């Protein structure tokens, strides 16, 4: 059982899904994004699917704003809002809020610091960094000139340590959260990824790409910078790649992406992890949470 079938069994008739997939927000990217079909969506309505053309940008701030609106709508109709999908960056920013970015580089300040480092003063900068930002200094090497200079630049421009711009672990207080992560051992996960790519190719991914190109799509379109689509442009540039090569590249990139996403999800505090087949345990966990609301 995968995530899609699991949420259907758990929430059919009593909940609606807020899609947390950065590719499924785009229209016409159906096969490569493994988008739920119309019959599934009738059984379990989804929000934030097919809301952008592939030429339009969509970012975490857009996601948070629209997800908040969808959650209010779902809740007001007496249903359970369920965020489900694999884009960990969206999940983390939704829960913890968008982190404030450090100030942009100032050429004059950076030039002064780089000049000092080159002249043999990197050790002096390092000692200063340990004093003004011990948290960040503990994460980097004393000889990492690039990061030392950037951290000191941020401090001199803003008066704040670089570590103060990092995302914390305080959840947005507008919701109560029940966070569930689905995990499989690596071999099982990779087998499922390989099978998914095989299914995508059989269902007509190549024709989907051809149709997009015929309609004027290009590799510069934000929606086509996703795994399952960008590999076809790589094939075109290389010239010598076959469809089998392209499918292999999609498999490889999907495995790497899954590994990165899992690492990202594991950095999110408070997640309870289950194997997808442990439906009864997951259901019990959810019902226990709901009973306290």
Protein backbone atom coordinates (compact mmCIF):
# COMPACT_ATOMS: atom_id res chain seq x y z
CA UNK A 1 0.00 0.00 0.00
CA UNK A 2 1.29 3.45 -0.92
CA UNK A 3 0.50 6.92 0.41
CA UNK A 4 -2.31 7.53 -2.08
CA UNK A 5 -4.25 4.36 -1.23
CA UNK A 6 -3.61 4.85 2.47
CA UNK A 7 -5.07 8.37 2.65
CA UNK A 8 -8.08 7.18 0.67
CA UNK A 9 -8.83 4.44 3.18
CA UNK A 10 -8.24 6.68 6.19
CA UNK A 11 -10.08 9.83 5.10
CA UNK A 12 -12.66 8.95 2.45
CA UNK A 13 -15.94 10.64 3.35
CA UNK A 14 -14.57 12.64 6.25
CA UNK A 15 -11.55 14.56 4.99
CA UNK A 16 -10.06 16.38 2.03
CA UNK A 17 -6.45 16.51 0.88
CA UNK A 18 -4.28 19.58 0.56
CA UNK A 19 -1.72 18.55 -2.04
CA UNK A 20 1.92 18.99 -0.97
CA UNK A 21 3.55 18.12 -4.28
CA UNK A 22 5.41 20.87 -6.10
CA UNK A 23 4.78 19.28 -9.52
CA UNK A 24 1.13 18.31 -9.22
CA UNK A 25 0.22 21.99 -8.87
CA UNK A 26 0.89 22.29 -12.63
CA UNK A 27 -1.71 21.58 -15.27
CA UNK A 28 -0.91 18.94 -17.92
CA UNK A 29 1.90 17.38 -15.88
CA UNK A 30 -0.12 14.28 -15.12
CA UNK A 31 1.84 11.12 -15.83
CA UNK A 32 5.28 12.34 -14.79
CA UNK A 33 3.93 13.66 -11.47
CA UNK A 34 1.81 10.56 -10.76
CA UNK A 35 -1.19 12.86 -10.33
CA UNK A 36 -4.36 11.19 -8.97
CA UNK A 37 -6.92 10.51 -11.69
CA UNK A 38 -10.41 12.00 -11.82
CA UNK A 39 -12.12 8.97 -10.27
CA UNK A 40 -9.80 9.08 -7.28
CA UNK A 41 -10.35 12.82 -6.87
CA UNK A 42 -14.10 12.25 -6.84
CA UNK A 43 -13.71 9.83 -3.93
CA UNK A 44 -11.26 12.01 -2.05
CA UNK A 45 -11.22 15.68 -3.13
CA UNK A 46 -7.81 17.35 -3.41
CA UNK A 47 -6.86 21.01 -3.23
CA UNK A 48 -3.85 22.70 -4.92
CA UNK A 49 -3.82 20.39 -7.93
CA UNK A 50 -3.86 21.87 -11.47
CA UNK A 51 -3.70 25.46 -10.25
CA UNK A 52 -0.78 26.76 -12.33
CA UNK A 53 0.30 26.72 -15.97
CA UNK A 54 3.75 25.21 -16.47
CA UNK A 55 5.17 28.62 -17.38
CA UNK A 56 4.22 30.07 -13.97
CA UNK A 57 6.41 30.03 -10.90
CA UNK A 58 5.16 28.48 -7.68
CA UNK A 59 7.06 28.70 -4.41
CA UNK A 60 6.78 27.91 -0.71
CA UNK A 61 5.15 31.25 0.08
CA UNK A 62 2.46 30.56 -2.53
CA UNK A 63 1.94 27.11 -1.07
CA UNK A 64 1.55 28.32 2.51
CA UNK A 65 -0.93 31.02 1.57
CA UNK A 66 -3.11 28.71 -0.53
CA UNK A 67 -2.85 25.81 1.92
CA UNK A 68 -4.03 28.06 4.75
CA UNK A 69 -7.02 29.13 2.65
CA UNK A 70 -7.86 25.51 1.77
CA UNK A 71 -7.59 24.36 5.39
CA UNK A 72 -10.03 27.04 6.56
CA UNK A 73 -12.47 26.05 3.82
CA UNK A 74 -12.24 22.33 4.63
CA UNK A 75 -12.56 22.89 8.38
CA UNK A 76 -15.54 25.21 7.99
CA UNK A 77 -17.38 22.41 6.16
CA UNK A 78 -16.82 20.05 9.10
CA UNK A 79 -14.16 17.92 7.41
CA UNK A 80 -10.59 17.00 8.31
CA UNK A 81 -7.86 18.88 6.43
CA UNK A 82 -5.05 16.49 5.48
CA UNK A 83 -1.77 17.68 4.00
CA UNK A 84 -0.23 14.89 1.94
CA UNK A 85 2.62 14.79 -0.52
CA UNK A 86 6.35 14.43 -0.89
CA UNK A 87 7.71 17.97 -1.08
CA UNK A 88 9.45 18.19 2.28
CA UNK A 89 10.48 21.81 1.81
CA UNK A 90 6.82 22.84 1.60
CA UNK A 91 5.92 20.78 4.66
CA UNK A 92 8.68 22.23 6.79
CA UNK A 93 7.96 25.81 5.83
CA UNK A 94 4.23 25.27 6.37
CA UNK A 95 4.80 23.97 9.89
CA UNK A 96 7.60 26.28 10.99
CA UNK A 97 6.90 29.30 8.80
CA UNK A 98 9.12 30.84 6.18
CA UNK A 99 12.47 31.68 7.66
CA UNK A 100 13.81 35.19 7.35
CA UNK A 101 16.76 35.37 5.00
CA UNK A 102 20.07 37.07 5.89
CA UNK A 103 20.85 40.42 4.22
CA UNK A 104 22.33 40.41 0.71
CA UNK A 105 26.06 40.74 0.25
CA UNK A 106 27.62 44.21 0.50
CA UNK A 107 30.65 44.42 -1.86
CA UNK A 108 32.45 46.94 0.34
CA UNK A 109 32.08 44.93 3.55
CA UNK A 110 32.87 41.63 1.83
CA UNK A 111 35.90 43.15 0.11
CA UNK A 112 37.30 44.37 3.42
CA UNK A 113 36.81 40.97 5.06
CA UNK A 114 38.26 39.04 2.12
CA UNK A 115 41.26 41.37 2.08
CA UNK A 116 41.84 40.71 5.76
CA UNK A 117 41.56 36.94 5.26
CA UNK A 118 43.98 36.92 2.33
CA UNK A 119 46.46 39.03 4.29
CA UNK A 120 46.67 36.34 6.93
CA UNK A 121 43.86 37.46 9.18
CA UNK A 122 41.55 34.45 8.74
CA UNK A 123 42.44 33.26 12.22
CA UNK A 124 41.45 36.65 13.62
CA UNK A 125 38.12 36.48 11.79
CA UNK A 126 37.61 32.96 13.09
CA UNK A 127 38.14 34.04 16.69
CA UNK A 128 35.74 36.93 16.21
CA UNK A 129 33.13 34.61 14.70
CA UNK A 130 33.41 32.22 17.64
CA UNK A 131 32.66 35.17 19.90
CA UNK A 132 29.71 36.69 17.98
CA UNK A 133 28.17 33.48 16.59
CA UNK A 134 29.41 30.39 18.47
CA UNK A 135 26.49 28.30 17.16
CA UNK A 136 27.42 28.79 13.51
CA UNK A 137 31.17 28.59 14.20
CA UNK A 138 30.68 25.13 15.69
CA UNK A 139 29.31 23.89 12.36
CA UNK A 140 32.19 24.96 10.11
CA UNK A 141 35.95 24.41 9.82
CA UNK A 142 38.37 27.11 11.05
CA UNK A 143 39.88 27.24 7.56
CA UNK A 144 36.57 27.60 5.69
CA UNK A 145 37.25 31.12 4.45
CA UNK A 146 34.10 31.43 2.33
CA UNK A 147 31.72 30.67 5.20
CA UNK A 148 33.69 32.59 7.81
CA UNK A 149 33.72 35.70 5.63
CA UNK A 150 30.00 35.40 4.85
CA UNK A 151 29.09 34.95 8.52
CA UNK A 152 31.14 37.96 9.57
CA UNK A 153 29.71 39.98 6.67
CA UNK A 154 26.15 39.23 7.86
CA UNK A 155 27.04 40.21 11.41
CA UNK A 156 28.66 43.50 10.39
CA UNK A 157 25.75 44.44 8.10
CA UNK A 158 22.84 43.39 10.31
CA UNK A 159 24.29 43.26 13.80
CA UNK A 160 22.88 39.75 14.07
CA UNK A 161 24.64 36.38 13.95
CA UNK A 162 24.03 34.30 10.84
CA UNK A 163 22.62 31.48 13.00
CA UNK A 164 19.77 33.79 14.08
CA UNK A 165 18.39 33.59 10.54
CA UNK A 166 18.12 29.80 10.67
CA UNK A 167 14.70 28.21 10.88
CA UNK A 168 13.79 27.27 14.40
CA UNK A 169 11.68 24.40 15.72
CA UNK A 170 8.66 26.38 16.90
CA UNK A 171 5.53 25.40 15.01
CA UNK A 172 3.10 28.00 13.76
CA UNK A 173 0.52 28.23 16.52
CA UNK A 174 -2.54 28.50 14.28
CA UNK A 175 -2.91 24.69 14.08
CA UNK A 176 -2.64 21.51 16.08
CA UNK A 177 -0.43 19.08 14.19
CA UNK A 178 -0.47 15.33 13.79
CA UNK A 179 2.64 14.57 11.74
CA UNK A 180 2.96 11.12 10.18
CA UNK A 181 5.90 10.00 8.09
CA UNK A 182 5.86 6.90 5.90
CA UNK A 183 9.10 4.97 5.70
CA UNK A 184 10.36 1.88 3.88
CA UNK A 185 13.73 0.17 3.83
CA UNK A 186 15.94 1.36 1.01
CA UNK A 187 15.69 -1.74 -1.20
CA UNK A 188 11.89 -1.73 -1.02
CA UNK A 189 11.75 2.00 -1.73
CA UNK A 190 14.06 1.72 -4.74
CA UNK A 191 12.04 -1.18 -6.16
CA UNK A 192 8.89 0.92 -5.94
CA UNK A 193 10.63 3.87 -7.61
CA UNK A 194 11.80 1.66 -10.46
CA UNK A 195 8.30 0.23 -10.87
CA UNK A 196 6.77 3.70 -10.85
CA UNK A 197 9.08 4.83 -13.66
CA UNK A 198 8.21 1.72 -15.68
CA UNK A 199 4.50 2.47 -15.24
CA UNK A 200 4.99 6.12 -16.22
CA UNK A 201 6.70 5.11 -19.45
CA UNK A 202 4.00 2.54 -20.27
CA UNK A 203 1.20 5.02 -19.53
CA UNK A 204 2.54 7.45 -22.12
CA UNK A 205 5.03 9.82 -20.50
CA UNK A 206 6.82 10.26 -23.83
CA UNK A 207 3.59 11.28 -25.55
CA UNK A 208 2.82 13.65 -22.68
CA UNK A 209 6.19 15.35 -23.24
CA UNK A 210 5.62 15.53 -27.00
CA UNK A 211 2.23 17.13 -26.46
CA UNK A 212 3.70 19.76 -24.15
CA UNK A 213 6.44 20.63 -26.64
CA UNK A 214 3.93 20.82 -29.49
CA UNK A 215 1.93 23.30 -27.38
CA UNK A 216 4.99 25.53 -27.04
CA UNK A 217 6.52 24.37 -23.75
CA UNK A 218 10.28 24.73 -23.26
CA UNK A 219 12.78 23.55 -20.68
CA UNK A 220 12.77 27.07 -19.24
CA UNK A 221 9.22 26.61 -17.99
CA UNK A 222 9.32 26.18 -14.17
CA UNK A 223 6.98 23.20 -14.29
CA UNK A 224 9.31 21.24 -16.55
CA UNK A 225 12.28 21.49 -14.22
CA UNK A 226 11.00 18.47 -12.32
CA UNK A 227 12.26 14.90 -12.27
CA UNK A 228 10.42 12.92 -14.91
CA UNK A 229 10.45 15.85 -17.32
CA UNK A 230 13.85 17.54 -17.26
CA UNK A 231 15.59 14.29 -18.25
CA UNK A 232 14.00 14.45 -21.71
CA UNK A 233 15.65 17.81 -22.33
CA UNK A 234 18.96 16.35 -21.19
CA UNK A 235 18.43 13.57 -23.71
CA UNK A 236 17.86 16.15 -26.44
CA UNK A 237 21.05 18.02 -25.58
CA UNK A 238 23.19 14.89 -25.45
CA UNK A 239 21.78 13.53 -28.68
CA UNK A 240 23.03 9.99 -28.13
CA UNK A 241 20.73 9.02 -25.25
CA UNK A 242 18.00 6.45 -25.85
CA UNK A 243 14.61 6.27 -24.16
CA UNK A 244 16.02 3.47 -22.00
CA UNK A 245 18.85 5.79 -20.97
CA UNK A 246 16.35 8.49 -20.13
CA UNK A 247 14.25 6.12 -18.01
CA UNK A 248 17.40 5.04 -16.16
CA UNK A 249 18.26 8.67 -15.51
CA UNK A 250 14.75 9.30 -14.13
CA UNK A 251 15.16 6.29 -11.82
CA UNK A 252 18.54 7.52 -10.61
CA UNK A 253 17.36 11.08 -10.03
CA UNK A 254 14.21 9.83 -8.27
CA UNK A 255 16.26 7.71 -5.87
CA UNK A 256 18.52 10.63 -5.04
CA UNK A 257 15.53 12.91 -4.57
CA UNK A 258 13.84 10.39 -2.26
CA UNK A 259 16.98 10.22 -0.13
CA UNK A 260 17.20 14.01 0.14
CA UNK A 261 13.51 14.34 0.97
CA UNK A 262 13.75 11.73 3.71
CA UNK A 263 16.67 13.59 5.26
CA UNK A 264 14.65 16.82 5.10
CA UNK A 265 11.56 15.19 6.65
CA UNK A 266 13.67 13.75 9.46
CA UNK A 267 14.77 17.28 10.35
CA UNK A 268 11.14 18.19 11.07
CA UNK A 269 10.43 17.74 14.79
CA UNK A 270 7.55 15.68 16.14
CA UNK A 271 7.05 13.25 13.24
CA UNK A 272 5.75 9.74 14.05
CA UNK A 273 7.13 7.20 11.57
CA UNK A 274 5.27 4.16 10.26
CA UNK A 275 5.60 1.63 7.48
CA UNK A 276 2.70 2.27 5.05
CA UNK A 277 1.39 -1.27 5.58
CA UNK A 278 0.82 -0.56 9.30
CA UNK A 279 -2.60 0.88 8.53
CA UNK A 280 -4.16 -0.07 11.85
CA UNK A 281 -1.35 1.54 13.83
CA UNK A 282 -1.56 4.69 11.73
CA UNK A 283 -5.33 4.80 12.07
CA UNK A 284 -5.13 4.38 15.84
CA UNK A 285 -2.55 7.16 16.05
CA UNK A 286 -4.79 9.52 14.07
CA UNK A 287 -7.95 8.68 16.04
CA UNK A 288 -6.11 9.24 19.31
CA UNK A 289 -5.04 12.67 18.08
CA UNK A 290 -8.54 13.58 16.85
CA UNK A 291 -10.16 12.48 20.10
CA UNK A 292 -8.18 15.16 21.94
CA UNK A 293 -9.21 18.00 19.67
